[in-house]
C-alpha atoms as a PDB file:
ATOM      1  CA  MET A   1     -16.954  27.341  -6.719  1.00  0.00           C
ATOM      2  CA  VAL A   2     -17.447  24.208  -4.103  1.00  0.00           C
ATOM      3  CA  ASP A   3     -19.326  21.913  -5.941  1.00  0.00           C
ATOM      4  CA  LEU A   4     -16.517  21.916  -8.794  1.00  0.00           C
ATOM      5  CA  VAL A   5     -13.546  20.949  -6.223  1.00  0.00           C
ATOM      6  CA  TRP A   6     -14.355  17.221  -6.197  1.00  0.00           C
ATOM      7  CA  PRO A   7     -15.122  16.719 -10.100  1.00  0.00           C
ATOM      8  CA  VAL A   8     -12.043  18.708 -10.980  1.00  0.00           C
ATOM      9  CA  GLY A   9      -9.562  16.860  -8.585  1.00  0.00           C
ATOM     10  CA  SER A  10     -11.078  13.598  -9.327  1.00  0.00           C
ATOM     11  CA  ILE A  11     -10.294  14.282 -13.015  1.00  0.00           C
ATOM     12  CA  GLY A  12      -6.814  15.536 -12.069  1.00  0.00           C
ATOM     13  CA  ILE A  13      -5.924  12.528  -9.890  1.00  0.00           C
ATOM     14  CA  SER A  14      -7.361   9.926 -12.651  1.00  0.00           C
ATOM     15  CA  GLY A  15      -5.234  11.835 -15.096  1.00  0.00           C
ATOM     16  CA  LEU A  16      -2.307  11.687 -12.785  1.00  0.00           C
ATOM     17  CA  ILE A  17      -2.568   8.027 -12.461  1.00  0.00           C
ATOM     18  CA  VAL A  18      -2.685   7.526 -16.084  1.00  0.00           C
ATOM     19  CA  LEU A  19       0.088   9.652 -16.750  1.00  0.00           C
ATOM     20  CA  LEU A  20       2.496   7.498 -13.881  1.00  0.00           C
ATOM     21  CA  GLY A  21       1.195   4.536 -15.692  1.00  0.00           C
ATOM     22  CA  VAL A  22       2.228   5.704 -19.192  1.00  0.00           C
ATOM     23  CA  ILE A  23       5.694   6.380 -17.642  1.00  0.00           C
ATOM     24  CA  ILE A  24       6.457   3.251 -15.565  1.00  0.00           C
ATOM     25  CA  LEU A  25       5.523   1.428 -19.355  1.00  0.00           C
ATOM     26  CA  VAL A  26       7.836   3.484 -21.256  1.00  0.00           C
ATOM     27  CA  ILE A  27      10.567   2.798 -18.824  1.00  0.00           C
ATOM     28  CA  ARG A  28       9.981  -0.939 -18.704  1.00  0.00           C
ATOM     29  CA  LEU A  29       9.865  -1.250 -22.203  1.00  0.00           C
ATOM     30  CA  LYS A  30      13.355   0.748 -22.469  1.00  0.00           C
ATOM     31  CA  GLU A  31      14.854  -1.717 -20.052  1.00  0.00           C
ATOM     32  CA  LYS A  32      13.582  -4.875 -22.079  1.00  0.00           C
ATOM     33  CA  ARG A  33      14.677  -3.450 -25.273  1.00  0.00           C
ATOM     34  CA  ALA A  34      18.453  -2.459 -23.636  1.00  0.00           C
ATOM     35  CA  GLY A  35      18.436  -5.915 -22.317  1.00  0.00           C
ATOM     36  CA  THR A  36      18.912  -5.335 -18.749  1.00  0.00           C
ATOM     37  CA  PRO A  37      16.620  -7.389 -16.518  1.00  0.00           C
ATOM     38  CA  SER A  38      13.872  -5.483 -14.216  1.00  0.00           C
ATOM     39  CA  GLN A  39      14.634  -7.644 -11.290  1.00  0.00           C
ATOM     40  CA  ASP A  40      17.519  -9.979 -10.066  1.00  0.00           C
ATOM     41  CA  GLU A  41      16.575 -13.054  -7.862  1.00  0.00           C
ATOM     42  CA  ARG A  42      17.677 -11.468  -5.038  1.00  0.00           C
ATOM     43  CA  THR A  43      15.223  -8.391  -5.540  1.00  0.00           C
ATOM     44  CA  GLN A  44      12.347 -11.051  -6.153  1.00  0.00           C
ATOM     45  CA  LYS A  45      13.457 -12.552  -2.954  1.00  0.00           C
ATOM     46  CA  ILE A  46      12.962  -9.540  -1.142  1.00  0.00           C
ATOM     47  CA  ASN A  47      10.133  -8.277  -2.524  1.00  0.00           C
ATOM     48  CA  GLY A  48       8.458 -11.521  -1.757  1.00  0.00           C
ATOM     49  CA  LYS A  49       9.556 -11.685   1.633  1.00  0.00           C
ATOM     50  CA  ALA A  50       8.699  -8.158   2.578  1.00  0.00           C
ATOM     51  CA  ALA A  51       5.087  -8.566   0.766  1.00  0.00           C
ATOM     52  CA  PHE A  52       4.551 -11.560   2.620  1.00  0.00           C
ATOM     53  CA  TYR A  53       5.248 -10.324   6.006  1.00  0.00           C
ATOM     54  CA  ALA A  54       3.326  -6.771   5.657  1.00  0.00           C
ATOM     55  CA  LEU A  55       0.249  -8.971   4.300  1.00  0.00           C
ATOM     56  CA  HIS A  56       0.305 -10.404   7.804  1.00  0.00           C
ATOM     57  CA  ILE A  57       1.342  -7.413   9.686  1.00  0.00           C
ATOM     58  CA  GLY A  58      -1.744  -5.455   7.874  1.00  0.00           C
ATOM     59  CA  LEU A  59      -4.283  -8.371   8.519  1.00  0.00           C
ATOM     60  CA  TYR A  60      -3.329  -8.825  12.205  1.00  0.00           C
ATOM     61  CA  PHE A  61      -3.696  -4.895  12.538  1.00  0.00           C
ATOM     62  CA  MET A  62      -6.973  -5.368  10.913  1.00  0.00           C
ATOM     63  CA  VAL A  63      -8.436  -8.029  12.895  1.00  0.00           C
ATOM     64  CA  ALA A  64      -7.090  -6.082  16.300  1.00  0.00           C
ATOM     65  CA  ILE A  65      -8.823  -2.771  15.280  1.00  0.00           C
ATOM     66  CA  LEU A  66     -11.928  -4.423  14.204  1.00  0.00           C
ATOM     67  CA  ALA A  67     -11.999  -6.578  17.659  1.00  0.00           C
ATOM     68  CA  VAL A  68     -11.408  -3.171  19.651  1.00  0.00           C
ATOM     69  CA  LEU A  69     -14.434  -1.387  17.670  1.00  0.00           C
ATOM     70  CA  ILE A  70     -16.735  -4.277  18.355  1.00  0.00           C
ATOM     71  CA  ILE A  71     -15.834  -4.986  21.943  1.00  0.00           C
ATOM     72  CA  GLY A  72     -15.820  -1.011  22.445  1.00  0.00           C
ATOM     73  CA  ARG A  73     -19.278  -0.774  21.136  1.00  0.00           C
ATOM     74  CA  GLU A  74     -21.217  -3.781  22.904  1.00  0.00           C
ATOM     75  CA  PHE A  75     -19.583  -3.215  26.323  1.00  0.00           C
ATOM     76  CA  PHE A  76     -17.967  -0.026  26.685  1.00  0.00           C
ATOM     77  CA  ASN A  77     -20.438   2.248  24.353  1.00  0.00           C
ATOM     78  CA  MET A  78     -17.817   3.848  22.082  1.00  0.00           C
ATOM     79  CA  PRO A  79     -19.505   5.259  19.032  1.00  0.00           C
ATOM     80  CA  ASP A  80     -19.730   3.294  15.921  1.00  0.00           C
ATOM     81  CA  LEU A  81     -17.405   4.222  13.294  1.00  0.00           C
ATOM     82  CA  SER A  82     -17.610   3.827   9.230  1.00  0.00           C
ATOM     83  CA  ALA A  83     -15.778   2.208   7.580  1.00  0.00           C
ATOM     84  CA  GLY A  84     -13.697   4.930   6.273  1.00  0.00           C
ATOM     85  CA  PRO A  85     -11.313   5.533   8.880  1.00  0.00           C
ATOM     86  CA  VAL A  86     -10.645   1.851   9.527  1.00  0.00           C
ATOM     87  CA  VAL A  87      -9.932   1.146   5.673  1.00  0.00           C
ATOM     88  CA  VAL A  88      -7.640   4.148   5.524  1.00  0.00           C
ATOM     89  CA  ALA A  89      -5.631   3.088   8.847  1.00  0.00           C
ATOM     90  CA  SER A  90      -5.034  -0.166   7.062  1.00  0.00           C
ATOM     91  CA  MET A  91      -4.045   0.872   3.947  1.00  0.00           C
ATOM     92  CA  ILE A  92      -1.497   3.062   5.799  1.00  0.00           C
ATOM     93  CA  VAL A  93      -0.347   0.045   8.032  1.00  0.00           C
ATOM     94  CA  PHE A  94       0.047  -2.086   4.810  1.00  0.00           C
ATOM     95  CA  GLY A  95       1.902   0.658   2.907  1.00  0.00           C
ATOM     96  CA  LEU A  96       4.059   1.630   5.773  1.00  0.00           C
ATOM     97  CA  SER A  97       5.054  -1.796   6.670  1.00  0.00           C
ATOM     98  CA  ASP A  98       6.061  -3.213   3.420  1.00  0.00           C
ATOM     99  CA  ILE A  99       8.084  -0.157   2.596  1.00  0.00           C
ATOM    100  CA  GLY A 100       9.735  -0.809   6.029  1.00  0.00           C
ATOM    101  CA  LEU A 101      10.427  -4.306   5.471  1.00  0.00           C
ATOM    102  CA  HIS A 102      11.664  -3.871   1.896  1.00  0.00           C
ATOM    103  CA  TRP A 103      14.133  -1.444   3.075  1.00  0.00           C
ATOM    104  CA  TYR A 104      14.999  -3.576   5.976  1.00  0.00           C
ATOM    105  CA  PHE A 105      15.403  -6.787   3.984  1.00  0.00           C
ATOM    106  CA  SER A 106      17.602  -4.707   1.175  1.00  0.00           C
ATOM    107  CA  LYS A 107      20.105  -3.892   4.267  1.00  0.00           C
ATOM    108  CA  LYS A 108      20.652  -7.077   5.191  1.00  0.00           C
ATOM    109  CA  ASP A 109      23.516  -8.987   3.528  1.00  0.00           C
ATOM    110  CA  ASP A 110      22.341 -12.893   4.033  1.00  0.00           C
ATOM    111  CA  PHE A 111      19.947 -12.795   1.315  1.00  0.00           C
END
């Protein structure tokens, strides 16, 4: 029973990814046929600026966490972590900073 959880879960996750991709594609095609622009200049500028700052925040976070891990392992005998927690933490920081910055820049009126 336990051996079936991962294969069934991975098939379900793959199916959801494909389904979301198809839904997004259908929505984009409907918008294109209707003649409405997918993004205006302000939205493109907000997306670009949020992505730019989120990338830098995420990279600085990765450098800081790796420096802490290296210094902790070499000088303070901290246990060596695998790459999993570091990657997950970095993905969370990248994603949340992009979402937060996108929300912040969309609320500002000077764009």
